[in-house]
Amino acid sequence: MHPYPKPVIQEGTSKFYRTGPWSGLQFSGSPDLKPNPIYDYFFVSNEYEVYYTYNLKNKSLISRIVLNQTSNTRERYIWIEASQVWHRYTSAPRDYCDYYGLCGSNGNCIISGSPFCQCLRGFKPKLPEKWSLMDWSQDCVSNKPLSCHKDGFLKFVDLKWPDILG
């Protein structure tokens, strides 16, 4: 069994979105799964089963989750009785940077950046001509050969953890 389960939205073998692996407290790429007034969530992963559930806090509330194959999104709606409409409460992917593999290896997506994708410090686009055409999928490569004795590690925060073991 994979030690870090992560839900994905995919069509065939093509992934469009992933939550990031389970950290023990939450999925690393799902900051919207914080305590909220609408639902509690539970995640179970052991040698016999892996599942994830939502439970509404107010049993008179009506909620639905829609997986949309046209837009490749997962949306949670809440029924607003007073106005007789469905209100979108959450959506995934949340923004352009949430799309799976957008910036390739050693790349970082910054939604307010221009361009969105940037190589991490010490790295450059593997194929600059593709990056100039906004195709960031071809990864970033090190500016120089790395040395375990001279190079260190940088701490990054607020990043979705990479896929581990596939």
N, C-alpha and C. Protein backbone atom coordinates (compact mmCIF):
# COMPACT_ATOMS: atom_id res chain seq x y z
N MET A 1 0.84 -1.19 0.00
CA MET A 1 0.00 0.00 0.00
C MET A 1 0.88 1.24 0.00
N HIS A 2 0.47 2.26 -0.73
CA HIS A 2 1.17 3.54 -0.80
C HIS A 2 1.11 4.23 0.56
N PRO A 3 2.24 4.67 1.11
CA PRO A 3 2.23 5.25 2.46
C PRO A 3 1.59 6.64 2.54
N TYR A 4 1.44 7.34 1.42
CA TYR A 4 0.88 8.69 1.43
C TYR A 4 -0.27 8.79 0.44
N PRO A 5 -1.47 8.32 0.78
CA PRO A 5 -2.59 8.37 -0.16
C PRO A 5 -2.94 9.80 -0.55
N LYS A 6 -3.40 9.97 -1.78
CA LYS A 6 -3.81 11.29 -2.26
C LYS A 6 -4.90 11.15 -3.31
N PRO A 7 -6.06 11.75 -3.08
CA PRO A 7 -7.11 11.72 -4.09
C PRO A 7 -6.70 12.51 -5.34
N VAL A 8 -7.14 12.04 -6.48
CA VAL A 8 -6.87 12.73 -7.75
C VAL A 8 -8.15 12.81 -8.56
N ILE A 9 -8.19 13.76 -9.49
CA ILE A 9 -9.22 13.81 -10.52
C ILE A 9 -8.48 13.53 -11.81
N GLN A 10 -8.94 12.51 -12.54
CA GLN A 10 -8.26 12.16 -13.78
C GLN A 10 -9.25 11.66 -14.80
N GLU A 11 -8.83 11.72 -16.05
CA GLU A 11 -9.59 11.13 -17.15
C GLU A 11 -8.68 10.12 -17.81
N GLY A 12 -9.05 8.87 -17.77
CA GLY A 12 -8.15 7.82 -18.24
C GLY A 12 -6.92 7.81 -17.35
N THR A 13 -5.75 7.94 -17.95
CA THR A 13 -4.52 7.98 -17.16
C THR A 13 -4.00 9.40 -16.95
N SER A 14 -4.70 10.40 -17.49
CA SER A 14 -4.25 11.80 -17.36
C SER A 14 -4.80 12.43 -16.09
N LYS A 15 -3.90 12.84 -15.20
CA LYS A 15 -4.32 13.52 -13.97
C LYS A 15 -4.55 14.99 -14.26
N PHE A 16 -5.62 15.54 -13.66
CA PHE A 16 -5.91 16.97 -13.81
C PHE A 16 -5.71 17.71 -12.50
N TYR A 17 -5.94 17.01 -11.39
CA TYR A 17 -5.84 17.64 -10.08
C TYR A 17 -5.53 16.58 -9.04
N ARG A 18 -4.78 16.96 -8.04
CA ARG A 18 -4.56 16.09 -6.88
C ARG A 18 -4.53 16.96 -5.64
N THR A 19 -4.92 16.37 -4.53
CA THR A 19 -4.96 17.13 -3.28
C THR A 19 -3.60 17.29 -2.66
N GLY A 20 -2.65 16.48 -3.06
CA GLY A 20 -1.38 16.37 -2.34
C GLY A 20 -1.54 15.24 -1.35
N PRO A 21 -0.44 14.64 -0.92
CA PRO A 21 -0.53 13.48 -0.03
C PRO A 21 -1.03 13.85 1.36
N TRP A 22 -1.58 12.86 2.04
CA TRP A 22 -2.07 13.01 3.41
C TRP A 22 -0.87 13.20 4.33
N SER A 23 -0.89 14.25 5.14
CA SER A 23 0.22 14.56 6.03
C SER A 23 0.05 13.96 7.42
N GLY A 24 -1.09 13.38 7.67
CA GLY A 24 -1.41 12.90 9.01
C GLY A 24 -2.45 13.80 9.65
N LEU A 25 -2.55 15.05 9.15
CA LEU A 25 -3.54 16.01 9.64
C LEU A 25 -4.48 16.48 8.55
N GLN A 26 -3.94 16.61 7.34
CA GLN A 26 -4.74 17.06 6.20
C GLN A 26 -4.00 16.70 4.92
N PHE A 27 -4.66 16.90 3.77
CA PHE A 27 -3.98 16.73 2.50
C PHE A 27 -3.14 17.98 2.28
N SER A 28 -1.87 17.81 1.90
CA SER A 28 -0.93 18.93 1.86
C SER A 28 -1.35 20.05 0.91
N GLY A 29 -2.10 19.75 -0.13
CA GLY A 29 -2.50 20.77 -1.08
C GLY A 29 -3.94 21.20 -0.96
N SER A 30 -4.56 20.97 0.18
CA SER A 30 -5.97 21.33 0.36
C SER A 30 -6.17 22.22 1.58
N PRO A 31 -5.75 23.48 1.49
CA PRO A 31 -5.90 24.36 2.64
C PRO A 31 -7.35 24.67 2.99
N ASP A 32 -8.28 24.42 2.05
CA ASP A 32 -9.69 24.69 2.34
C ASP A 32 -10.29 23.65 3.27
N LEU A 33 -9.56 22.57 3.57
CA LEU A 33 -10.06 21.57 4.49
C LEU A 33 -9.68 21.90 5.93
N LYS A 34 -9.93 23.11 6.31
CA LYS A 34 -9.73 23.54 7.69
C LYS A 34 -11.08 23.45 8.39
N PRO A 35 -11.08 23.50 9.72
CA PRO A 35 -12.38 23.50 10.40
C PRO A 35 -13.31 24.57 9.80
N ASN A 36 -14.56 24.19 9.57
CA ASN A 36 -15.52 25.09 8.95
C ASN A 36 -16.90 24.82 9.54
N PRO A 37 -17.86 25.72 9.33
CA PRO A 37 -19.18 25.55 9.94
C PRO A 37 -20.09 24.55 9.22
N ILE A 38 -19.68 24.05 8.06
CA ILE A 38 -20.56 23.22 7.24
C ILE A 38 -20.37 21.72 7.49
N TYR A 39 -19.13 21.24 7.50
CA TYR A 39 -18.91 19.80 7.59
C TYR A 39 -17.62 19.47 8.34
N ASP A 40 -17.58 18.26 8.85
CA ASP A 40 -16.36 17.67 9.39
C ASP A 40 -15.88 16.65 8.37
N TYR A 41 -14.59 16.41 8.32
CA TYR A 41 -14.07 15.41 7.41
C TYR A 41 -13.22 14.41 8.18
N PHE A 42 -13.19 13.19 7.67
CA PHE A 42 -12.45 12.11 8.32
C PHE A 42 -11.70 11.33 7.26
N PHE A 43 -10.50 10.94 7.58
CA PHE A 43 -9.67 10.17 6.67
C PHE A 43 -9.17 8.94 7.41
N VAL A 44 -9.33 7.76 6.80
CA VAL A 44 -8.87 6.51 7.38
C VAL A 44 -7.97 5.82 6.37
N SER A 45 -6.79 5.41 6.81
CA SER A 45 -5.87 4.67 5.95
C SER A 45 -5.15 3.65 6.82
N ASN A 46 -5.45 2.39 6.56
CA ASN A 46 -4.75 1.34 7.28
C ASN A 46 -4.55 0.17 6.33
N GLU A 47 -4.10 -0.96 6.85
CA GLU A 47 -3.79 -2.09 5.97
C GLU A 47 -5.02 -2.69 5.30
N TYR A 48 -6.22 -2.37 5.80
CA TYR A 48 -7.45 -2.97 5.27
C TYR A 48 -8.28 -2.03 4.40
N GLU A 49 -8.14 -0.73 4.62
CA GLU A 49 -9.01 0.20 3.90
C GLU A 49 -8.42 1.60 3.83
N VAL A 50 -8.86 2.32 2.82
CA VAL A 50 -8.52 3.74 2.66
C VAL A 50 -9.80 4.43 2.24
N TYR A 51 -10.24 5.39 3.04
CA TYR A 51 -11.42 6.16 2.65
C TYR A 51 -11.42 7.52 3.32
N TYR A 52 -12.25 8.38 2.75
CA TYR A 52 -12.34 9.77 3.16
C TYR A 52 -13.82 10.13 3.18
N THR A 53 -14.30 10.71 4.27
CA THR A 53 -15.71 11.07 4.34
C THR A 53 -15.91 12.49 4.83
N TYR A 54 -17.07 13.03 4.48
CA TYR A 54 -17.54 14.31 4.99
C TYR A 54 -18.82 14.04 5.77
N ASN A 55 -19.01 14.71 6.88
CA ASN A 55 -20.27 14.62 7.63
C ASN A 55 -20.77 16.04 7.88
N LEU A 56 -22.00 16.30 7.47
CA LEU A 56 -22.57 17.63 7.70
C LEU A 56 -22.78 17.85 9.19
N LYS A 57 -22.45 19.05 9.66
CA LYS A 57 -22.62 19.39 11.07
C LYS A 57 -24.09 19.63 11.40
N ASN A 58 -24.79 20.26 10.47
CA ASN A 58 -26.21 20.54 10.64
C ASN A 58 -26.97 19.58 9.72
N LYS A 59 -27.66 18.62 10.30
CA LYS A 59 -28.33 17.57 9.52
C LYS A 59 -29.48 18.10 8.66
N SER A 60 -29.96 19.32 8.91
CA SER A 60 -31.02 19.88 8.07
C SER A 60 -30.45 20.58 6.83
N LEU A 61 -29.15 20.74 6.76
CA LEU A 61 -28.49 21.35 5.61
C LEU A 61 -28.43 20.33 4.47
N ILE A 62 -28.58 20.81 3.24
CA ILE A 62 -28.47 19.94 2.07
C ILE A 62 -27.22 20.34 1.31
N SER A 63 -26.39 19.36 1.02
CA SER A 63 -25.14 19.60 0.31
C SER A 63 -24.93 18.52 -0.72
N ARG A 64 -24.24 18.86 -1.79
CA ARG A 64 -23.91 17.87 -2.80
C ARG A 64 -22.52 18.17 -3.36
N ILE A 65 -21.86 17.13 -3.81
CA ILE A 65 -20.57 17.27 -4.47
C ILE A 65 -20.74 16.82 -5.91
N VAL A 66 -20.24 17.63 -6.84
CA VAL A 66 -20.38 17.33 -8.26
C VAL A 66 -18.99 17.19 -8.88
N LEU A 67 -18.75 16.05 -9.52
CA LEU A 67 -17.55 15.86 -10.33
C LEU A 67 -17.94 16.18 -11.76
N ASN A 68 -17.36 17.22 -12.32
CA ASN A 68 -17.73 17.69 -13.65
C ASN A 68 -16.68 17.22 -14.66
N GLN A 69 -17.06 16.31 -15.54
CA GLN A 69 -16.09 15.78 -16.50
C GLN A 69 -15.76 16.76 -17.62
N THR A 70 -16.57 17.77 -17.84
CA THR A 70 -16.28 18.77 -18.86
C THR A 70 -15.20 19.74 -18.39
N SER A 71 -15.32 20.22 -17.15
CA SER A 71 -14.35 21.19 -16.62
C SER A 71 -13.29 20.54 -15.74
N ASN A 72 -13.41 19.22 -15.52
CA ASN A 72 -12.48 18.49 -14.65
C ASN A 72 -12.39 19.15 -13.27
N THR A 73 -13.54 19.40 -12.68
CA THR A 73 -13.59 20.02 -11.36
C THR A 73 -14.43 19.19 -10.41
N ARG A 74 -14.22 19.44 -9.12
CA ARG A 74 -15.03 18.88 -8.05
C ARG A 74 -15.56 20.07 -7.27
N GLU A 75 -16.88 20.21 -7.24
CA GLU A 75 -17.50 21.36 -6.58
C GLU A 75 -18.46 20.90 -5.50
N ARG A 76 -18.41 21.57 -4.36
CA ARG A 76 -19.38 21.32 -3.29
C ARG A 76 -20.39 22.46 -3.32
N TYR A 77 -21.67 22.10 -3.34
CA TYR A 77 -22.76 23.07 -3.33
C TYR A 77 -23.57 22.91 -2.05
N ILE A 78 -24.09 24.02 -1.58
CA ILE A 78 -24.97 24.06 -0.41
C ILE A 78 -26.31 24.65 -0.87
N TRP A 79 -27.41 23.99 -0.51
CA TRP A 79 -28.74 24.48 -0.87
C TRP A 79 -29.14 25.60 0.09
N ILE A 80 -29.45 26.78 -0.50
CA ILE A 80 -29.91 27.92 0.28
C ILE A 80 -31.44 27.95 0.17
N GLU A 81 -32.09 27.51 1.22
CA GLU A 81 -33.55 27.36 1.21
C GLU A 81 -34.26 28.69 0.95
N ALA A 82 -33.82 29.76 1.60
CA ALA A 82 -34.51 31.06 1.49
C ALA A 82 -34.58 31.56 0.05
N SER A 83 -33.51 31.38 -0.72
CA SER A 83 -33.50 31.87 -2.10
C SER A 83 -33.69 30.75 -3.13
N GLN A 84 -33.81 29.50 -2.66
CA GLN A 84 -34.05 28.37 -3.53
C GLN A 84 -32.97 28.22 -4.61
N VAL A 85 -31.70 28.35 -4.20
CA VAL A 85 -30.58 28.21 -5.14
C VAL A 85 -29.48 27.35 -4.52
N TRP A 86 -28.68 26.74 -5.40
CA TRP A 86 -27.48 26.05 -4.97
C TRP A 86 -26.34 27.06 -4.95
N HIS A 87 -25.65 27.16 -3.83
CA HIS A 87 -24.50 28.06 -3.68
C HIS A 87 -23.22 27.24 -3.71
N ARG A 88 -22.28 27.61 -4.58
CA ARG A 88 -21.00 26.88 -4.61
C ARG A 88 -20.19 27.26 -3.39
N TYR A 89 -19.84 26.26 -2.58
CA TYR A 89 -19.11 26.48 -1.34
C TYR A 89 -17.60 26.30 -1.53
N THR A 90 -17.20 25.25 -2.23
CA THR A 90 -15.79 25.02 -2.55
C THR A 90 -15.67 24.46 -3.96
N SER A 91 -14.47 24.59 -4.50
CA SER A 91 -14.21 24.07 -5.83
C SER A 91 -12.75 23.64 -5.91
N ALA A 92 -12.50 22.56 -6.62
CA ALA A 92 -11.13 22.12 -6.87
C ALA A 92 -11.04 21.68 -8.33
N PRO A 93 -10.05 22.09 -9.03
CA PRO A 93 -8.98 22.99 -8.63
C PRO A 93 -9.49 24.39 -8.30
N ARG A 94 -8.80 25.05 -7.37
CA ARG A 94 -9.20 26.39 -6.94
C ARG A 94 -8.76 27.46 -7.94
N ASP A 95 -7.59 27.28 -8.53
CA ASP A 95 -7.06 28.26 -9.47
C ASP A 95 -6.13 27.56 -10.45
N TYR A 96 -5.53 28.31 -11.34
CA TYR A 96 -4.66 27.77 -12.39
C TYR A 96 -3.52 26.94 -11.81
N CYS A 97 -2.96 27.39 -10.69
CA CYS A 97 -1.83 26.69 -10.09
C CYS A 97 -2.19 25.34 -9.50
N ASP A 98 -3.46 25.07 -9.34
CA ASP A 98 -3.89 23.78 -8.78
C ASP A 98 -3.88 22.65 -9.81
N TYR A 99 -3.72 22.97 -11.09
CA TYR A 99 -3.74 21.92 -12.11
C TYR A 99 -2.49 21.06 -12.01
N TYR A 100 -2.69 19.77 -12.15
CA TYR A 100 -1.64 18.79 -11.93
C TYR A 100 -0.46 18.97 -12.88
N GLY A 101 0.75 19.03 -12.32
CA GLY A 101 1.98 19.05 -13.10
C GLY A 101 2.18 20.28 -13.95
N LEU A 102 1.48 21.36 -13.66
CA LEU A 102 1.54 22.56 -14.52
C LEU A 102 2.97 23.06 -14.73
N CYS A 103 3.77 23.12 -13.67
CA CYS A 103 5.10 23.72 -13.77
C CYS A 103 6.23 22.71 -13.89
N GLY A 104 5.94 21.44 -13.92
CA GLY A 104 6.98 20.43 -14.07
C GLY A 104 7.86 20.31 -12.84
N SER A 105 8.84 19.43 -12.91
CA SER A 105 9.75 19.19 -11.79
C SER A 105 10.61 20.41 -11.52
N ASN A 106 10.83 20.69 -10.26
CA ASN A 106 11.65 21.82 -9.79
C ASN A 106 11.09 23.17 -10.21
N GLY A 107 9.80 23.19 -10.49
CA GLY A 107 9.11 24.43 -10.81
C GLY A 107 8.11 24.77 -9.74
N ASN A 108 7.75 26.02 -9.63
CA ASN A 108 6.80 26.50 -8.64
C ASN A 108 5.79 27.40 -9.33
N CYS A 109 4.53 27.24 -8.99
CA CYS A 109 3.48 28.07 -9.56
C CYS A 109 3.09 29.14 -8.55
N ILE A 110 3.10 30.37 -8.99
CA ILE A 110 2.69 31.50 -8.16
C ILE A 110 1.58 32.21 -8.90
N ILE A 111 0.36 32.12 -8.37
CA ILE A 111 -0.82 32.60 -9.10
C ILE A 111 -0.72 34.09 -9.44
N SER A 112 -0.03 34.87 -8.62
CA SER A 112 0.12 36.30 -8.90
C SER A 112 1.36 36.60 -9.73
N GLY A 113 2.12 35.55 -10.08
CA GLY A 113 3.35 35.75 -10.85
C GLY A 113 3.09 35.92 -12.33
N SER A 114 4.10 36.44 -13.00
CA SER A 114 4.04 36.56 -14.44
C SER A 114 5.40 36.16 -14.99
N PRO A 115 5.54 34.98 -15.54
CA PRO A 115 4.49 33.98 -15.75
C PRO A 115 4.14 33.26 -14.44
N PHE A 116 3.08 32.45 -14.48
CA PHE A 116 2.67 31.68 -13.30
C PHE A 116 3.79 30.77 -12.83
N CYS A 117 4.42 30.05 -13.77
CA CYS A 117 5.45 29.07 -13.43
C CYS A 117 6.82 29.72 -13.40
N GLN A 118 7.57 29.34 -12.38
CA GLN A 118 8.93 29.81 -12.23
C GLN A 118 9.78 28.65 -11.75
N CYS A 119 11.04 28.64 -12.13
CA CYS A 119 11.94 27.61 -11.64
C CYS A 119 12.36 27.97 -10.21
N LEU A 120 12.56 26.94 -9.40
CA LEU A 120 13.06 27.17 -8.04
C LEU A 120 14.45 27.78 -8.11
N ARG A 121 14.86 28.44 -7.04
CA ARG A 121 16.19 29.07 -6.98
C ARG A 121 17.27 28.03 -7.28
N GLY A 122 18.19 28.39 -8.18
CA GLY A 122 19.26 27.47 -8.57
C GLY A 122 18.91 26.61 -9.76
N PHE A 123 17.72 26.81 -10.33
CA PHE A 123 17.28 26.01 -11.47
C PHE A 123 16.88 26.93 -12.63
N LYS A 124 16.86 26.37 -13.83
CA LYS A 124 16.47 27.11 -15.04
C LYS A 124 15.61 26.20 -15.90
N PRO A 125 14.84 26.78 -16.82
CA PRO A 125 14.01 25.94 -17.70
C PRO A 125 14.86 24.97 -18.52
N LYS A 126 14.42 23.74 -18.59
CA LYS A 126 15.12 22.73 -19.39
C LYS A 126 15.03 23.10 -20.87
N LEU A 127 13.86 23.57 -21.29
CA LEU A 127 13.65 23.99 -22.69
C LEU A 127 13.10 25.42 -22.69
N PRO A 128 14.00 26.43 -22.66
CA PRO A 128 13.54 27.84 -22.58
C PRO A 128 12.56 28.23 -23.68
N GLU A 129 12.73 27.65 -24.88
CA GLU A 129 11.82 28.00 -25.98
C GLU A 129 10.39 27.55 -25.68
N LYS A 130 10.22 26.43 -24.97
CA LYS A 130 8.88 25.97 -24.57
C LYS A 130 8.31 26.87 -23.48
N TRP A 131 9.17 27.27 -22.52
CA TRP A 131 8.72 28.14 -21.43
C TRP A 131 8.24 29.48 -21.99
N SER A 132 8.88 29.98 -23.00
CA SER A 132 8.46 31.27 -23.57
C SER A 132 7.10 31.16 -24.24
N LEU A 133 6.66 29.92 -24.56
CA LEU A 133 5.35 29.69 -25.14
C LEU A 133 4.33 29.22 -24.10
N MET A 134 4.69 29.36 -22.81
CA MET A 134 3.85 28.99 -21.67
C MET A 134 3.64 27.49 -21.55
N ASP A 135 4.56 26.69 -22.09
CA ASP A 135 4.54 25.24 -21.87
C ASP A 135 5.61 24.96 -20.83
N TRP A 136 5.17 24.85 -19.58
CA TRP A 136 6.10 24.69 -18.46
C TRP A 136 6.27 23.24 -18.04
N SER A 137 5.73 22.31 -18.80
CA SER A 137 5.70 20.90 -18.39
C SER A 137 7.04 20.19 -18.54
N GLN A 138 8.01 20.81 -19.19
CA GLN A 138 9.28 20.14 -19.47
C GLN A 138 10.33 20.28 -18.37
N ASP A 139 9.91 20.72 -17.19
CA ASP A 139 10.77 20.74 -16.01
C ASP A 139 11.81 21.86 -16.00
N CYS A 140 12.39 22.01 -14.83
CA CYS A 140 13.52 22.91 -14.61
C CYS A 140 14.71 22.04 -14.24
N VAL A 141 15.89 22.45 -14.66
CA VAL A 141 17.11 21.70 -14.38
C VAL A 141 18.07 22.59 -13.61
N SER A 142 18.98 21.97 -12.90
CA SER A 142 19.94 22.71 -12.08
C SER A 142 20.83 23.59 -12.95
N ASN A 143 21.15 24.78 -12.42
CA ASN A 143 22.05 25.70 -13.13
C ASN A 143 23.47 25.14 -13.21
N LYS A 144 23.83 24.29 -12.25
CA LYS A 144 25.17 23.72 -12.19
C LYS A 144 25.07 22.32 -11.59
N PRO A 145 26.09 21.48 -11.82
CA PRO A 145 26.06 20.15 -11.19
C PRO A 145 25.99 20.29 -9.67
N LEU A 146 25.14 19.48 -9.06
CA LEU A 146 24.98 19.54 -7.61
C LEU A 146 26.03 18.69 -6.92
N SER A 147 26.48 19.19 -5.76
CA SER A 147 27.48 18.48 -4.97
C SER A 147 26.95 18.31 -3.56
N CYS A 148 26.94 17.09 -3.07
CA CYS A 148 26.46 16.83 -1.72
C CYS A 148 27.34 17.51 -0.67
N HIS A 149 28.59 17.78 -1.00
CA HIS A 149 29.51 18.38 -0.03
C HIS A 149 29.45 19.90 -0.01
N LYS A 150 29.04 20.52 -1.12
CA LYS A 150 29.04 21.99 -1.20
C LYS A 150 27.64 22.59 -1.15
N ASP A 151 26.68 21.88 -1.70
CA ASP A 151 25.32 22.42 -1.77
C ASP A 151 24.52 22.00 -0.55
N GLY A 152 23.60 22.83 -0.15
CA GLY A 152 22.74 22.53 0.99
C GLY A 152 21.30 22.40 0.55
N PHE A 153 20.40 22.60 1.49
CA PHE A 153 18.98 22.50 1.22
C PHE A 153 18.32 23.82 1.56
N LEU A 154 17.27 24.14 0.83
CA LEU A 154 16.47 25.32 1.10
C LEU A 154 15.12 24.88 1.63
N LYS A 155 14.57 25.64 2.54
CA LYS A 155 13.25 25.33 3.07
C LYS A 155 12.22 26.13 2.29
N PHE A 156 11.21 25.45 1.77
CA PHE A 156 10.11 26.09 1.08
C PHE A 156 8.85 25.88 1.89
N VAL A 157 8.00 26.88 1.95
CA VAL A 157 6.74 26.77 2.67
C VAL A 157 5.59 27.01 1.70
N ASP A 158 4.41 26.54 2.09
CA ASP A 158 3.19 26.74 1.31
C ASP A 158 3.26 26.15 -0.10
N LEU A 159 3.94 25.02 -0.23
CA LEU A 159 3.97 24.31 -1.51
C LEU A 159 3.25 22.98 -1.36
N LYS A 160 2.63 22.54 -2.42
CA LYS A 160 2.03 21.21 -2.43
C LYS A 160 3.17 20.21 -2.55
N TRP A 161 3.18 19.21 -1.69
CA TRP A 161 4.26 18.22 -1.74
C TRP A 161 4.24 17.49 -3.07
N PRO A 162 5.43 17.10 -3.56
CA PRO A 162 5.44 16.39 -4.85
C PRO A 162 4.91 14.97 -4.70
N ASP A 163 4.57 14.37 -5.85
CA ASP A 163 4.19 12.96 -5.84
C ASP A 163 5.37 12.16 -5.33
N ILE A 164 5.08 11.20 -4.46
CA ILE A 164 6.13 10.35 -3.89
C ILE A 164 5.84 8.92 -4.33
N LEU A 165 6.82 8.25 -4.86
CA LEU A 165 6.68 6.85 -5.30
C LEU A 165 5.55 6.70 -6.32
N GLY A 166 5.52 7.57 -7.30
CA GLY A 166 4.53 7.45 -8.36
C GLY A 166 3.35 8.25 -8.04
